Amino acid sequence: MLEALKKEVFEQNLKLVEYGLVVLTWGNVSAIDRESGLFVIKPSGVPYSEMTAEDMVVMDLDGNKVEGKLNPSSDTPTHMELYRNFKDIGGVVHTHSSWACAWAQAGRDVPAYGTTHADFSNGAVPCTRGLTKEEVESAYELNTGRVIVEEFAKRGISPKACPAVLIHRHGPFTWGENAQKAVENALILEEVCNMAYRTESVAALSTDSNIGIEDYLLEKHYNRKHGKNAYYGQKL
């Protein structure tokens, strides 16, 4: 079942390698079929060079394996929790990409410093609180998802307005309307994290630096691409 979705998820997992967002087996892509309530995810620990579309694993939103001969990604409970709570998303990505991990390991939000960031997110990319010892030892991956949901609710952030998060001491998750968009957002997040680091490095060289995008410019760039009257790109 869900053969087309398995093919899509397989192909988008390979994009993580193509874009330089993963090494070894460090990463996973999933996508959900909202009509059936089933999602497809990469198998755990399988090298990208050895995977096939048939290796993708079908799961339900209660954490049951519906189809597949291999074990699903160890991050499956996190994906599942995001699908259960962020109703408009269709794909989820987790990587350990270097620049995003650097900010996550530092426990820092990624501030909106310029228009490249504003085209991506309507504000800072949040870093979650750290998981407690009990959360790590009881249901680590599920609690990771819960902490993401908690952070967005606490800050009043829409997952549509900011399609990314950093897990404290861990790394990034991104999402989108489908697997392809979620992977694109993972690539954009990595570049935004790189730019933010360089921005702070350059600003540190100046005694009169002024960093941080103005609210009106942030809103303009975000809305021209994502707003109700967006005009970026082609209209088919």
Protein backbone atom coordinates (compact mmCIF):
# COMPACT_ATOMS: atom_id res chain seq x y z
CA MET A 1 0.00 0.00 0.00
CA LEU A 2 0.99 3.68 -0.42
CA GLU A 3 3.48 2.76 -3.15
CA ALA A 4 3.68 6.30 -4.55
CA LEU A 5 4.33 7.74 -1.10
CA LYS A 6 7.05 5.17 -0.42
CA LYS A 7 8.76 6.17 -3.68
CA GLU A 8 8.53 9.86 -2.76
CA VAL A 9 9.94 9.30 0.73
CA PHE A 10 12.76 7.15 -0.65
CA GLU A 11 13.71 9.78 -3.22
CA GLN A 12 13.62 12.60 -0.70
CA ASN A 13 15.83 10.66 1.72
CA LEU A 14 18.40 10.47 -1.08
CA LYS A 15 18.12 14.26 -1.49
CA LEU A 16 19.55 14.63 2.03
CA VAL A 17 22.73 13.00 0.75
CA GLU A 18 22.74 15.04 -2.46
CA TYR A 19 22.39 18.28 -0.49
CA GLY A 20 25.15 17.35 1.97
CA LEU A 21 22.80 17.39 4.96
CA VAL A 22 23.68 13.91 6.25
CA VAL A 23 26.64 11.62 6.69
CA LEU A 24 26.47 7.86 7.24
CA THR A 25 22.86 7.12 8.26
CA TRP A 26 22.28 10.33 10.25
CA GLY A 27 18.90 11.52 9.09
CA ASN A 28 15.41 10.58 8.03
CA VAL A 29 12.48 11.78 5.95
CA SER A 30 8.83 10.84 6.33
CA ALA A 31 5.55 11.79 4.66
CA ILE A 32 1.93 11.22 5.65
CA ASP A 33 -1.22 10.30 3.76
CA ARG A 34 -3.80 12.26 5.75
CA GLU A 35 -6.75 10.39 4.25
CA SER A 36 -5.60 7.03 5.58
CA GLY A 37 -3.79 8.39 8.63
CA LEU A 38 -0.67 6.41 7.67
CA PHE A 39 2.83 7.72 7.20
CA VAL A 40 5.95 6.37 5.50
CA ILE A 41 9.43 6.71 7.00
CA LYS A 42 13.00 5.62 6.35
CA PRO A 43 14.14 2.36 8.00
CA SER A 44 16.56 2.62 10.92
CA GLY A 45 20.29 2.50 10.31
CA VAL A 46 20.18 1.47 6.64
CA PRO A 47 22.86 3.14 4.47
CA TYR A 48 21.39 5.45 1.86
CA SER A 49 23.38 3.71 -0.86
CA GLU A 50 21.70 0.39 -0.05
CA MET A 51 18.08 1.55 0.41
CA THR A 52 15.24 0.92 -1.99
CA ALA A 53 11.71 2.28 -2.09
CA GLU A 54 10.49 -1.12 -0.89
CA ASP A 55 12.53 -0.68 2.30
CA MET A 56 10.38 2.27 3.43
CA VAL A 57 8.20 1.49 6.45
CA VAL A 58 4.49 2.30 6.77
CA MET A 59 3.30 3.35 10.23
CA ASP A 60 0.02 4.48 11.77
CA LEU A 61 -0.38 7.41 14.15
CA ASP A 62 -0.55 5.09 17.15
CA GLY A 63 2.98 3.87 16.48
CA ASN A 64 2.06 0.52 14.93
CA LYS A 65 3.97 -0.82 11.94
CA VAL A 66 1.48 -1.47 9.15
CA GLU A 67 3.87 -2.57 6.44
CA GLY A 68 7.60 -3.18 6.03
CA LYS A 69 10.17 -5.84 6.72
CA LEU A 70 12.61 -3.50 8.49
CA ASN A 71 12.42 -1.50 11.69
CA PRO A 72 11.40 2.14 11.20
CA SER A 73 13.70 5.02 12.07
CA SER A 74 14.37 5.40 15.78
CA ASP A 75 13.00 8.95 15.41
CA THR A 76 9.58 7.63 14.31
CA PRO A 77 7.82 8.65 17.56
CA THR A 78 8.95 12.25 17.04
CA HIS A 79 7.59 12.30 13.49
CA MET A 80 4.38 10.71 14.74
CA GLU A 81 3.89 13.33 17.44
CA LEU A 82 4.41 16.16 14.94
CA TYR A 83 1.83 14.67 12.55
CA ARG A 84 -0.66 14.27 15.38
CA ASN A 85 -0.36 17.88 16.51
CA PHE A 86 0.63 19.89 13.43
CA LYS A 87 -2.38 18.99 11.29
CA ASP A 88 -1.36 20.89 8.15
CA ILE A 89 2.06 19.34 7.62
CA GLY A 90 2.64 16.51 5.15
CA GLY A 91 6.34 15.76 5.53
CA VAL A 92 8.98 15.79 8.29
CA VAL A 93 12.79 15.75 8.14
CA HIS A 94 15.44 15.23 10.80
CA THR A 95 19.16 15.66 10.15
CA HIS A 96 22.36 16.31 12.04
CA SER A 97 23.52 18.99 9.60
CA SER A 98 26.53 20.85 10.97
CA TRP A 99 25.42 24.49 11.15
CA ALA A 100 21.97 23.74 12.55
CA CYS A 101 23.47 21.34 15.09
CA ALA A 102 25.95 24.01 16.19
CA TRP A 103 23.08 26.33 17.16
CA ALA A 104 21.14 23.46 18.76
CA GLN A 105 24.13 22.32 20.79
CA ALA A 106 24.62 25.89 21.99
CA GLY A 107 20.95 26.01 23.02
CA ARG A 108 20.36 29.10 20.88
CA ASP A 109 17.45 30.32 18.81
CA VAL A 110 18.48 31.41 15.31
CA PRO A 111 17.61 35.13 15.18
CA ALA A 112 16.14 36.74 12.09
CA TYR A 113 19.05 38.81 10.84
CA GLY A 114 18.06 39.42 7.23
CA THR A 115 15.72 38.88 4.34
CA THR A 116 16.95 35.37 3.51
CA HIS A 117 15.77 34.28 6.94
CA ALA A 118 12.54 36.27 6.54
CA ASP A 119 11.74 34.47 3.28
CA PHE A 120 11.88 31.24 5.28
CA SER A 121 10.45 32.00 8.72
CA ASN A 122 8.38 34.81 10.18
CA GLY A 123 10.70 35.23 13.17
CA ALA A 124 13.49 33.40 14.96
CA VAL A 125 13.84 29.66 14.56
CA PRO A 126 13.26 28.42 18.13
CA CYS A 127 15.47 26.12 20.13
CA THR A 128 13.47 24.00 22.56
CA ARG A 129 14.15 23.59 26.24
CA GLY A 130 16.31 20.66 27.18
CA LEU A 131 14.60 17.39 27.96
CA THR A 132 14.67 16.35 31.59
CA LYS A 133 16.47 13.22 32.77
CA GLU A 134 13.09 11.54 33.20
CA GLU A 135 11.97 12.51 29.69
CA VAL A 136 15.16 11.14 28.18
CA GLU A 137 15.03 7.87 30.09
CA SER A 138 11.31 7.13 29.67
CA ALA A 139 10.23 7.78 26.07
CA TYR A 140 13.02 9.88 24.59
CA GLU A 141 11.92 10.19 20.96
CA LEU A 142 8.25 10.66 21.82
CA ASN A 143 9.13 13.29 24.40
CA THR A 144 11.28 15.05 21.80
CA GLY A 145 8.14 15.50 19.73
CA ARG A 146 6.20 16.66 22.76
CA VAL A 147 8.83 19.26 23.59
CA ILE A 148 8.61 20.64 20.03
CA VAL A 149 4.83 20.93 20.27
CA GLU A 150 5.14 22.48 23.73
CA GLU A 151 7.66 25.08 22.52
CA PHE A 152 5.48 26.22 19.62
CA ALA A 153 2.40 26.43 21.86
CA LYS A 154 4.26 28.33 24.58
CA ARG A 155 5.61 30.90 22.13
CA GLY A 156 2.42 31.12 20.07
CA ILE A 157 4.28 30.15 16.89
CA SER A 158 2.43 28.62 13.98
CA PRO A 159 4.27 25.62 12.46
CA LYS A 160 3.33 27.07 9.09
CA ALA A 161 5.00 30.41 9.87
CA CYS A 162 8.17 28.69 11.07
CA PRO A 163 8.75 25.28 9.44
CA ALA A 164 11.75 24.37 11.61
CA VAL A 165 12.93 23.84 15.15
CA LEU A 166 16.17 23.06 16.95
CA ILE A 167 16.20 20.43 19.69
CA HIS A 168 18.38 21.53 22.59
CA ARG A 169 21.76 19.71 22.49
CA HIS A 170 20.53 17.62 19.57
CA GLY A 171 19.70 18.98 16.12
CA PRO A 172 17.07 20.21 13.67
CA PHE A 173 13.64 19.04 12.57
CA THR A 174 11.88 20.65 9.62
CA TRP A 175 8.52 20.06 7.98
CA GLY A 176 6.41 21.14 5.05
CA GLU A 177 3.32 20.40 3.00
CA ASN A 178 5.04 17.29 1.64
CA ALA A 179 8.35 15.44 1.90
CA GLN A 180 10.00 17.49 -0.84
CA LYS A 181 9.16 20.77 0.85
CA ALA A 182 10.34 19.45 4.22
CA VAL A 183 13.70 18.54 2.67
CA GLU A 184 13.96 21.96 1.00
CA ASN A 185 13.30 23.55 4.39
CA ALA A 186 16.09 21.46 5.93
CA LEU A 187 18.47 22.80 3.28
CA ILE A 188 17.30 26.38 3.81
CA LEU A 189 17.62 26.06 7.59
CA GLU A 190 21.22 24.90 7.25
CA GLU A 191 22.06 27.92 5.11
CA VAL A 192 20.23 30.31 7.44
CA CYS A 193 22.18 28.93 10.42
CA ASN A 194 25.43 29.37 8.51
CA MET A 195 24.54 32.97 7.62
CA ALA A 196 23.50 33.79 11.19
CA TYR A 197 26.81 32.55 12.55
CA ARG A 198 28.74 34.60 9.99
CA THR A 199 26.58 37.65 10.72
CA GLU A 200 27.41 37.48 14.42
CA SER A 201 31.09 36.92 13.60
CA VAL A 202 31.24 39.98 11.34
CA ALA A 203 29.27 42.08 13.84
CA ALA A 204 31.73 41.16 16.58
CA LEU A 205 34.48 42.91 14.59
CA SER A 206 32.66 46.25 14.76
CA THR A 207 32.08 48.56 17.69
CA ASP A 208 28.91 49.98 16.16
CA SER A 209 27.29 46.91 14.62
CA ASN A 210 23.54 46.90 14.19
CA ILE A 211 22.15 43.43 13.54
CA GLY A 212 18.58 42.17 13.61
CA ILE A 213 16.08 42.66 10.82
CA GLU A 214 13.48 45.41 11.21
CA ASP A 215 9.94 44.11 11.85
CA TYR A 216 8.49 45.81 8.78
CA LEU A 217 11.14 44.29 6.51
CA LEU A 218 10.67 40.86 8.06
CA GLU A 219 6.91 41.05 7.47
CA LYS A 220 7.34 42.27 3.90
CA HIS A 221 9.66 39.45 2.90
CA TYR A 222 7.72 36.73 4.68
CA ASN A 223 4.36 37.83 3.30
CA ARG A 224 5.48 38.39 -0.27
CA LYS A 225 6.33 34.69 -0.35
CA HIS A 226 3.85 33.14 2.09
CA GLY A 227 1.14 35.70 2.79
CA LYS A 228 -2.43 35.92 1.51
CA ASN A 229 -1.36 38.22 -1.32
CA ALA A 230 2.00 36.55 -2.00
CA TYR A 231 3.51 37.47 -5.35
CA TYR A 232 6.83 35.60 -5.33
CA GLY A 233 7.19 32.97 -8.07
CA GLN A 234 4.83 31.93 -10.82
CA LYS A 235 1.06 31.47 -10.55
CA LEU A 236 -0.13 28.54 -12.65
